[in-house]
C-alpha atoms as a PDB file:
ATOM      1  CA  MET A   1      -5.920   2.976  34.021  1.00  0.00           C
ATOM      2  CA  ALA A   2      -8.202   5.225  36.044  1.00  0.00           C
ATOM      3  CA  LEU A   3     -11.076   7.095  34.440  1.00  0.00           C
ATOM      4  CA  LYS A   4     -12.587  10.508  35.068  1.00  0.00           C
ATOM      5  CA  HIS A   5     -16.110   9.787  33.896  1.00  0.00           C
ATOM      6  CA  GLU A   6     -18.766  12.396  34.495  1.00  0.00           C
ATOM      7  CA  PRO A   7     -22.131  11.463  32.978  1.00  0.00           C
ATOM      8  CA  THR A   8     -23.165  13.514  29.945  1.00  0.00           C
ATOM      9  CA  ALA A   9     -26.665  14.147  28.558  1.00  0.00           C
ATOM     10  CA  PRO A  10     -26.510  11.201  26.083  1.00  0.00           C
ATOM     11  CA  TYR A  11     -25.530   8.948  28.997  1.00  0.00           C
ATOM     12  CA  HIS A  12     -28.670   9.948  30.910  1.00  0.00           C
ATOM     13  CA  SER A  13     -30.796   9.428  27.774  1.00  0.00           C
ATOM     14  CA  ALA A  14     -29.317   5.957  27.278  1.00  0.00           C
ATOM     15  CA  GLN A  15     -29.978   5.077  30.946  1.00  0.00           C
ATOM     16  CA  ASP A  16     -33.626   6.189  30.592  1.00  0.00           C
ATOM     17  CA  ALA A  17     -33.952   4.241  27.318  1.00  0.00           C
ATOM     18  CA  LEU A  18     -32.640   1.109  29.069  1.00  0.00           C
ATOM     19  CA  ARG A  19     -35.329   1.527  31.739  1.00  0.00           C
ATOM     20  CA  VAL A  20     -37.996   1.725  29.010  1.00  0.00           C
ATOM     21  CA  LEU A  21     -36.572  -1.359  27.256  1.00  0.00           C
ATOM     22  CA  GLU A  22     -36.554  -3.352  30.504  1.00  0.00           C
ATOM     23  CA  ALA A  23     -40.200  -2.425  31.093  1.00  0.00           C
ATOM     24  CA  VAL A  24     -41.177  -3.416  27.528  1.00  0.00           C
ATOM     25  CA  ALA A  25     -39.303  -6.722  27.840  1.00  0.00           C
ATOM     26  CA  ARG A  26     -41.294  -7.602  30.984  1.00  0.00           C
ATOM     27  CA  HIS A  27     -44.546  -7.442  28.980  1.00  0.00           C
ATOM     28  CA  THR A  28     -44.285 -10.092  26.272  1.00  0.00           C
ATOM     29  CA  THR A  29     -47.771  -9.312  24.921  1.00  0.00           C
ATOM     30  CA  GLY A  30     -47.132  -5.563  24.732  1.00  0.00           C
ATOM     31  CA  VAL A  31     -47.368  -2.487  26.949  1.00  0.00           C
ATOM     32  CA  THR A  32     -48.937   0.945  26.310  1.00  0.00           C
ATOM     33  CA  ASP A  33     -47.094   4.248  26.639  1.00  0.00           C
ATOM     34  CA  THR A  34     -49.394   5.164  29.573  1.00  0.00           C
ATOM     35  CA  GLU A  35     -48.319   2.016  31.447  1.00  0.00           C
ATOM     36  CA  LEU A  36     -44.685   2.666  30.543  1.00  0.00           C
ATOM     37  CA  ALA A  37     -44.906   6.198  31.955  1.00  0.00           C
ATOM     38  CA  LYS A  38     -46.218   4.796  35.253  1.00  0.00           C
ATOM     39  CA  GLN A  39     -43.658   2.003  35.489  1.00  0.00           C
ATOM     40  CA  THR A  40     -40.593   4.070  34.528  1.00  0.00           C
ATOM     41  CA  ALA A  41     -41.633   7.390  36.146  1.00  0.00           C
ATOM     42  CA  ILE A  42     -40.473   9.133  32.959  1.00  0.00           C
ATOM     43  CA  GLY A  43     -42.561  12.146  31.897  1.00  0.00           C
ATOM     44  CA  PRO A  44     -44.851  11.744  28.835  1.00  0.00           C
ATOM     45  CA  GLU A  45     -42.927  14.177  26.608  1.00  0.00           C
ATOM     46  CA  ARG A  46     -39.544  12.592  27.333  1.00  0.00           C
ATOM     47  CA  LEU A  47     -41.023   9.105  27.018  1.00  0.00           C
ATOM     48  CA  THR A  48     -42.427   9.954  23.568  1.00  0.00           C
ATOM     49  CA  THR A  49     -38.959  11.106  22.424  1.00  0.00           C
ATOM     50  CA  LEU A  50     -37.319   7.945  23.808  1.00  0.00           C
ATOM     51  CA  LEU A  51     -39.908   5.662  22.182  1.00  0.00           C
ATOM     52  CA  LEU A  52     -39.404   7.401  18.817  1.00  0.00           C
ATOM     53  CA  MET A  53     -35.658   6.782  19.084  1.00  0.00           C
ATOM     54  CA  LEU A  54     -36.161   3.149  20.196  1.00  0.00           C
ATOM     55  CA  ARG A  55     -38.532   2.499  17.279  1.00  0.00           C
ATOM     56  CA  ARG A  56     -36.146   4.119  14.792  1.00  0.00           C
ATOM     57  CA  GLU A  57     -33.283   1.938  16.056  1.00  0.00           C
ATOM     58  CA  GLY A  58     -35.442  -1.222  15.930  1.00  0.00           C
ATOM     59  CA  TYR A  59     -35.338  -1.858  19.695  1.00  0.00           C
ATOM     60  CA  VAL A  60     -39.130  -1.685  20.081  1.00  0.00           C
ATOM     61  CA  GLU A  61     -42.055  -2.133  17.688  1.00  0.00           C
ATOM     62  CA  GLN A  62     -45.637  -0.955  17.877  1.00  0.00           C
ATOM     63  CA  VAL A  63     -48.280  -3.634  17.372  1.00  0.00           C
ATOM     64  CA  ALA A  64     -51.808  -3.201  15.956  1.00  0.00           C
ATOM     65  CA  ASP A  65     -53.379  -1.908  19.183  1.00  0.00           C
ATOM     66  CA  GLY A  66     -50.615   0.682  19.698  1.00  0.00           C
ATOM     67  CA  ALA A  67     -48.827  -1.263  22.437  1.00  0.00           C
ATOM     68  CA  TYR A  68     -45.045  -1.647  22.381  1.00  0.00           C
ATOM     69  CA  VAL A  69     -43.164  -4.958  22.131  1.00  0.00           C
ATOM     70  CA  THR A  70     -39.493  -5.882  21.855  1.00  0.00           C
ATOM     71  CA  GLY A  71     -38.000  -5.262  18.392  1.00  0.00           C
ATOM     72  CA  ASP A  72     -35.683  -7.350  16.233  1.00  0.00           C
ATOM     73  CA  ALA A  73     -32.577  -5.258  16.950  1.00  0.00           C
ATOM     74  CA  LEU A  74     -32.918  -5.877  20.683  1.00  0.00           C
ATOM     75  CA  THR A  75     -33.509  -9.604  20.149  1.00  0.00           C
ATOM     76  CA  ARG A  76     -30.364  -9.877  18.017  1.00  0.00           C
ATOM     77  CA  LEU A  77     -28.188  -7.888  20.425  1.00  0.00           C
ATOM     78  CA  GLY A  78     -29.551  -9.858  23.364  1.00  0.00           C
ATOM     79  CA  SER A  79     -28.646 -13.253  21.930  1.00  0.00           C
ATOM     80  CA  ALA A  80     -25.204 -14.752  22.563  1.00  0.00           C
ATOM     81  CA  HIS A  81     -25.036 -16.028  18.978  1.00  0.00           C
ATOM     82  CA  ASP A  82     -23.404 -13.521  16.601  1.00  0.00           C
ATOM     83  CA  ARG A  83     -23.700 -10.684  19.131  1.00  0.00           C
ATOM     84  CA  GLU A  84     -20.478  -9.026  17.921  1.00  0.00           C
ATOM     85  CA  GLN A  85     -21.688  -9.050  14.327  1.00  0.00           C
ATOM     86  CA  ALA A  86     -25.122  -7.743  15.361  1.00  0.00           C
ATOM     87  CA  LEU A  87     -23.501  -4.958  17.390  1.00  0.00           C
ATOM     88  CA  ARG A  88     -21.266  -3.904  14.480  1.00  0.00           C
ATOM     89  CA  GLU A  89     -24.240  -3.814  12.105  1.00  0.00           C
ATOM     90  CA  THR A  90     -26.412  -1.891  14.576  1.00  0.00           C
ATOM     91  CA  LEU A  91     -23.649   0.646  15.245  1.00  0.00           C
ATOM     92  CA  GLN A  92     -22.969   1.028  11.518  1.00  0.00           C
ATOM     93  CA  ARG A  93     -26.633   1.820  10.810  1.00  0.00           C
ATOM     94  CA  THR A  94     -26.582   4.401  13.623  1.00  0.00           C
ATOM     95  CA  LEU A  95     -23.324   5.954  12.356  1.00  0.00           C
ATOM     96  CA  ASP A  96     -24.713   6.107   8.797  1.00  0.00           C
ATOM     97  CA  ARG A  97     -27.784   7.956  10.106  1.00  0.00           C
ATOM     98  CA  LEU A  98     -25.589  10.315  12.127  1.00  0.00           C
ATOM     99  CA  ARG A  99     -23.439  11.020   9.047  1.00  0.00           C
ATOM    100  CA  ASP A 100     -26.560  11.994   7.092  1.00  0.00           C
ATOM    101  CA  SER A 101     -28.084  14.099   9.881  1.00  0.00           C
ATOM    102  CA  VAL A 102     -24.918  16.096  10.707  1.00  0.00           C
ATOM    103  CA  GLY A 103     -23.610  16.187   7.117  1.00  0.00           C
ATOM    104  CA  ALA A 104     -20.113  15.023   8.026  1.00  0.00           C
ATOM    105  CA  ALA A 105     -17.969  11.895   8.217  1.00  0.00           C
ATOM    106  CA  VAL A 106     -18.545  10.282  11.632  1.00  0.00           C
ATOM    107  CA  TYR A 107     -16.154   8.102  13.648  1.00  0.00           C
ATOM    108  CA  LEU A 108     -16.512   5.822  16.684  1.00  0.00           C
ATOM    109  CA  SER A 109     -13.248   5.679  18.604  1.00  0.00           C
ATOM    110  CA  ARG A 110     -12.096   3.858  21.744  1.00  0.00           C
ATOM    111  CA  TYR A 111      -9.068   3.897  24.002  1.00  0.00           C
ATOM    112  CA  VAL A 112      -7.924   0.281  24.214  1.00  0.00           C
ATOM    113  CA  ASP A 113      -4.776  -0.976  25.988  1.00  0.00           C
ATOM    114  CA  GLY A 114      -3.273   2.498  26.059  1.00  0.00           C
ATOM    115  CA  GLU A 115      -3.899   3.290  22.396  1.00  0.00           C
ATOM    116  CA  VAL A 116      -6.365   5.319  20.315  1.00  0.00           C
ATOM    117  CA  THR A 117      -8.345   3.099  17.937  1.00  0.00           C
ATOM    118  CA  ILE A 118     -11.073   3.960  15.440  1.00  0.00           C
ATOM    119  CA  THR A 119     -13.436   1.001  15.586  1.00  0.00           C
ATOM    120  CA  GLN A 120     -15.990   2.117  12.963  1.00  0.00           C
ATOM    121  CA  TYR A 121     -16.782   5.086  10.763  1.00  0.00           C
ATOM    122  CA  ALA A 122     -19.352   6.301   8.252  1.00  0.00           C
ATOM    123  CA  ASP A 123     -18.387   8.387   5.236  1.00  0.00           C
ATOM    124  CA  GLY A 124     -19.758   9.096   1.776  1.00  0.00           C
ATOM    125  CA  PRO A 125     -19.081  10.918  -1.510  1.00  0.00           C
ATOM    126  CA  THR A 126     -19.970  14.310   0.003  1.00  0.00           C
ATOM    127  CA  THR A 127     -18.676  13.473   3.511  1.00  0.00           C
ATOM    128  CA  PRO A 128     -15.137  12.104   3.025  1.00  0.00           C
ATOM    129  CA  VAL A 129     -13.063  10.815   5.960  1.00  0.00           C
ATOM    130  CA  VAL A 130      -9.980  12.753   6.960  1.00  0.00           C
ATOM    131  CA  ASN A 131      -6.783  11.603   5.264  1.00  0.00           C
ATOM    132  CA  GLU A 132      -4.891   9.716   8.013  1.00  0.00           C
ATOM    133  CA  TRP A 133      -1.506  11.115   7.043  1.00  0.00           C
ATOM    134  CA  VAL A 134      -0.141  10.469  10.571  1.00  0.00           C
ATOM    135  CA  ASP A 135      -1.325   7.356  12.438  1.00  0.00           C
ATOM    136  CA  PHE A 136      -4.123   8.358  14.840  1.00  0.00           C
ATOM    137  CA  ARG A 137      -2.411   6.322  17.588  1.00  0.00           C
ATOM    138  CA  TYR A 138       0.498   8.793  17.543  1.00  0.00           C
ATOM    139  CA  SER A 139      -1.455  12.012  17.115  1.00  0.00           C
ATOM    140  CA  ALA A 140      -3.954  12.060  19.996  1.00  0.00           C
ATOM    141  CA  HIS A 141      -2.582  15.467  21.057  1.00  0.00           C
ATOM    142  CA  ALA A 142      -3.678  16.973  17.724  1.00  0.00           C
ATOM    143  CA  THR A 143      -7.046  15.313  17.005  1.00  0.00           C
ATOM    144  CA  ALA A 144     -10.446  16.052  18.522  1.00  0.00           C
ATOM    145  CA  LEU A 145     -11.096  12.346  19.105  1.00  0.00           C
ATOM    146  CA  GLY A 146      -7.669  11.872  20.710  1.00  0.00           C
ATOM    147  CA  LYS A 147      -8.227  14.804  23.063  1.00  0.00           C
ATOM    148  CA  SER A 148     -11.712  13.537  23.922  1.00  0.00           C
ATOM    149  CA  LEU A 149     -10.311  10.112  24.843  1.00  0.00           C
ATOM    150  CA  LEU A 150      -7.389  11.572  26.834  1.00  0.00           C
ATOM    151  CA  GLY A 151      -9.834  13.900  28.575  1.00  0.00           C
ATOM    152  CA  GLN A 152     -11.643  10.893  30.029  1.00  0.00           C
ATOM    153  CA  LEU A 153      -8.483   9.491  31.642  1.00  0.00           C
ATOM    154  CA  ASP A 154      -6.995  10.564  34.962  1.00  0.00           C
ATOM    155  CA  ASN A 155      -3.892  12.753  34.996  1.00  0.00           C
ATOM    156  CA  ASN A 156      -1.417   9.875  35.473  1.00  0.00           C
ATOM    157  CA  SER A 157      -2.869   7.958  32.513  1.00  0.00           C
ATOM    158  CA  ARG A 158      -2.698  11.089  30.347  1.00  0.00           C
ATOM    159  CA  ARG A 159       0.952  11.634  31.284  1.00  0.00           C
ATOM    160  CA  ASP A 160       1.687   7.972  30.589  1.00  0.00           C
ATOM    161  CA  HIS A 161       0.175   8.295  27.113  1.00  0.00           C
ATOM    162  CA  LEU A 162       2.123  11.469  26.297  1.00  0.00           C
ATOM    163  CA  SER A 163       5.373   9.905  27.569  1.00  0.00           C
ATOM    164  CA  ARG A 164       4.898   7.090  25.029  1.00  0.00           C
ATOM    165  CA  HIS A 165       3.871   9.327  22.119  1.00  0.00           C
ATOM    166  CA  LYS A 166       5.975  12.381  21.322  1.00  0.00           C
ATOM    167  CA  MET A 167       3.843  15.462  20.629  1.00  0.00           C
ATOM    168  CA  ALA A 168       4.974  16.183  17.076  1.00  0.00           C
ATOM    169  CA  ARG A 169       4.091  19.462  15.324  1.00  0.00           C
ATOM    170  CA  LEU A 170       1.753  18.373  12.509  1.00  0.00           C
ATOM    171  CA  THR A 171       0.598  21.869  11.474  1.00  0.00           C
ATOM    172  CA  SER A 172       1.327  25.397  12.650  1.00  0.00           C
ATOM    173  CA  ARG A 173      -1.682  25.081  15.004  1.00  0.00           C
ATOM    174  CA  THR A 174      -0.648  21.842  16.761  1.00  0.00           C
ATOM    175  CA  ILE A 175      -0.147  22.045  20.531  1.00  0.00           C
ATOM    176  CA  THR A 176       3.286  20.563  21.270  1.00  0.00           C
ATOM    177  CA  SER A 177       3.564  21.520  24.955  1.00  0.00           C
ATOM    178  CA  ASP A 178       2.408  18.703  27.229  1.00  0.00           C
ATOM    179  CA  LYS A 179       1.920  21.250  30.015  1.00  0.00           C
ATOM    180  CA  LEU A 180      -0.458  23.321  27.873  1.00  0.00           C
ATOM    181  CA  LEU A 181      -2.344  20.260  26.606  1.00  0.00           C
ATOM    182  CA  LEU A 182      -2.761  18.769  30.114  1.00  0.00           C
ATOM    183  CA  SER A 183      -3.982  22.142  31.396  1.00  0.00           C
ATOM    184  CA  ARG A 184      -6.584  22.375  28.614  1.00  0.00           C
ATOM    185  CA  LEU A 185      -7.750  18.790  29.157  1.00  0.00           C
ATOM    186  CA  GLU A 186      -8.104  19.444  32.891  1.00  0.00           C
ATOM    187  CA  SER A 187     -10.226  22.569  32.396  1.00  0.00           C
ATOM    188  CA  GLN A 188     -12.485  21.179  29.650  1.00  0.00           C
ATOM    189  CA  PRO A 189     -16.057  20.453  30.897  1.00  0.00           C
ATOM    190  CA  PRO A 190     -17.176  16.898  29.912  1.00  0.00           C
ATOM    191  CA  THR A 191     -20.283  18.213  28.154  1.00  0.00           C
ATOM    192  CA  VAL A 192     -18.346  20.549  25.811  1.00  0.00           C
ATOM    193  CA  PRO A 193     -17.094  18.975  22.550  1.00  0.00           C
ATOM    194  CA  HIS A 194     -13.342  18.803  21.934  1.00  0.00           C
ATOM    195  CA  LEU A 195     -12.326  20.577  18.734  1.00  0.00           C
ATOM    196  CA  ASP A 196      -9.461  20.246  16.260  1.00  0.00           C
ATOM    197  CA  LEU A 197      -9.157  23.415  14.182  1.00  0.00           C
ATOM    198  CA  GLN A 198      -6.584  22.321  11.589  1.00  0.00           C
ATOM    199  CA  GLU A 199      -4.309  20.980  14.351  1.00  0.00           C
ATOM    200  CA  TYR A 200      -4.011  17.528  12.768  1.00  0.00           C
ATOM    201  CA  ALA A 201      -4.310  18.388   9.083  1.00  0.00           C
ATOM    202  CA  VAL A 202      -4.466  21.658   7.155  1.00  0.00           C
ATOM    203  CA  GLY A 203      -7.867  21.918   5.490  1.00  0.00           C
ATOM    204  CA  THR A 204      -9.783  19.819   8.063  1.00  0.00           C
ATOM    205  CA  VAL A 205     -11.668  20.650  11.264  1.00  0.00           C
ATOM    206  CA  CYS A 206     -13.026  18.054  13.706  1.00  0.00           C
ATOM    207  CA  ALA A 207     -15.119  17.729  16.861  1.00  0.00           C
ATOM    208  CA  ALA A 208     -15.573  14.870  19.353  1.00  0.00           C
ATOM    209  CA  VAL A 209     -17.917  14.074  22.230  1.00  0.00           C
ATOM    210  CA  PRO A 210     -17.363  11.429  24.942  1.00  0.00           C
ATOM    211  CA  ILE A 211     -19.147   8.069  24.980  1.00  0.00           C
ATOM    212  CA  THR A 212     -19.324   6.729  28.529  1.00  0.00           C
ATOM    213  CA  ALA A 213     -20.215   3.028  28.503  1.00  0.00           C
ATOM    214  CA  GLY A 214     -19.268   1.076  31.608  1.00  0.00           C
ATOM    215  CA  SER A 215     -15.523   1.150  32.199  1.00  0.00           C
ATOM    216  CA  SER A 216     -14.570   1.758  28.566  1.00  0.00           C
ATOM    217  CA  VAL A 217     -13.380   5.102  27.243  1.00  0.00           C
ATOM    218  CA  GLY A 218     -14.843   6.066  23.890  1.00  0.00           C
ATOM    219  CA  CYS A 219     -15.990   8.986  21.795  1.00  0.00           C
ATOM    220  CA  LEU A 220     -17.936   9.968  18.714  1.00  0.00           C
ATOM    221  CA  ALA A 221     -16.204  12.343  16.324  1.00  0.00           C
ATOM    222  CA  LEU A 222     -16.869  14.119  13.041  1.00  0.00           C
ATOM    223  CA  SER A 223     -14.675  15.815  10.455  1.00  0.00           C
ATOM    224  CA  LEU A 224     -15.423  18.603   7.984  1.00  0.00           C
ATOM    225  CA  PRO A 225     -13.452  20.374   5.254  1.00  0.00           C
ATOM    226  CA  VAL A 226     -12.266  23.753   6.568  1.00  0.00           C
ATOM    227  CA  GLU A 227     -14.655  25.607   4.209  1.00  0.00           C
ATOM    228  CA  HIS A 228     -17.478  24.139   6.343  1.00  0.00           C
ATOM    229  CA  ALA A 229     -15.862  25.241   9.631  1.00  0.00           C
ATOM    230  CA  HIS A 230     -18.829  27.566  10.280  1.00  0.00           C
ATOM    231  CA  ARG A 231     -20.977  24.413  10.708  1.00  0.00           C
ATOM    232  CA  LEU A 232     -18.625  22.723  13.185  1.00  0.00           C
ATOM    233  CA  ARG A 233     -20.195  23.848  16.469  1.00  0.00           C
ATOM    234  CA  GLN A 234     -23.730  23.122  15.272  1.00  0.00           C
ATOM    235  CA  ALA A 235     -22.680  19.698  13.919  1.00  0.00           C
ATOM    236  CA  ALA A 236     -20.876  18.877  17.186  1.00  0.00           C
ATOM    237  CA  ASP A 237     -23.986  19.757  19.208  1.00  0.00           C
ATOM    238  CA  ALA A 238     -26.113  17.551  16.923  1.00  0.00           C
ATOM    239  CA  LEU A 239     -23.596  14.719  17.324  1.00  0.00           C
ATOM    240  CA  ASN A 240     -23.800  15.053  21.103  1.00  0.00           C
ATOM    241  CA  ARG A 241     -27.618  15.159  21.106  1.00  0.00           C
ATOM    242  CA  ASN A 242     -27.775  12.022  18.964  1.00  0.00           C
ATOM    243  CA  ALA A 243     -25.102   9.981  20.753  1.00  0.00           C
ATOM    244  CA  ALA A 244     -27.604   8.093  22.958  1.00  0.00           C
ATOM    245  CA  PRO A 245     -28.342   5.288  20.414  1.00  0.00           C
ATOM    246  CA  VAL A 246     -24.607   4.490  20.214  1.00  0.00           C
ATOM    247  CA  LEU A 247     -24.346   4.335  24.001  1.00  0.00           C
ATOM    248  CA  LEU A 248     -27.465   2.205  24.157  1.00  0.00           C
ATOM    249  CA  SER A 249     -26.103  -0.355  21.650  1.00  0.00           C
ATOM    250  CA  LEU A 250     -22.893  -0.647  23.693  1.00  0.00           C
ATOM    251  CA  ALA A 251     -24.801  -0.989  26.972  1.00  0.00           C
ATOM    252  CA  ILE A 252     -27.263  -3.726  25.944  1.00  0.00           C
END
């Protein structure tokens, strides 16, 4: 399977955050933000934003004199023992925070062995998950997360997927023409969220943004009841802006 990765803004943020983490890890007794700015060549304003995010996620801690040291979350993710469990817990905390900040159910999805899979999600009483009335594996053509994942594949891999999964009409808005879908996927810029405006289920709108981590294809998605459709674009932009911690967890 060939990929069509083009780095997005969260990818660049995650790369910069990794540089900061590597610099902090080299100084076991702590390192100041001034020293970090010199060593990473990251501007003070951007560095402050990255350090705030790294502290919030538990990757760095500030000690009494204001210097930064490695945090518990990084130690746990960095150890071979229980890494999978630590990663799931870290991602779940991040997804829970994202759910609260965007006010929508949030999903982490990956394309594994030719299939769409939702690996984790965060919902709540006021942010319910979408009712999976048709298996997400068979409805990539109609969902925002499915289109985001397909959009990261090359054309042959997209065609292969569509040849294995018939494009069924799920609502009156569902695209059922593979030619039209492939054309839209081809013309979609990687930085623009994919949308599902009641294409999968009547009464639900969704958005998804790509998560580029190594060779894996993934995305973050959110769903909203159609009465909140006016918030979709704003929520999708917030999801994209806050995707860096998810990428970072996957990259460590």
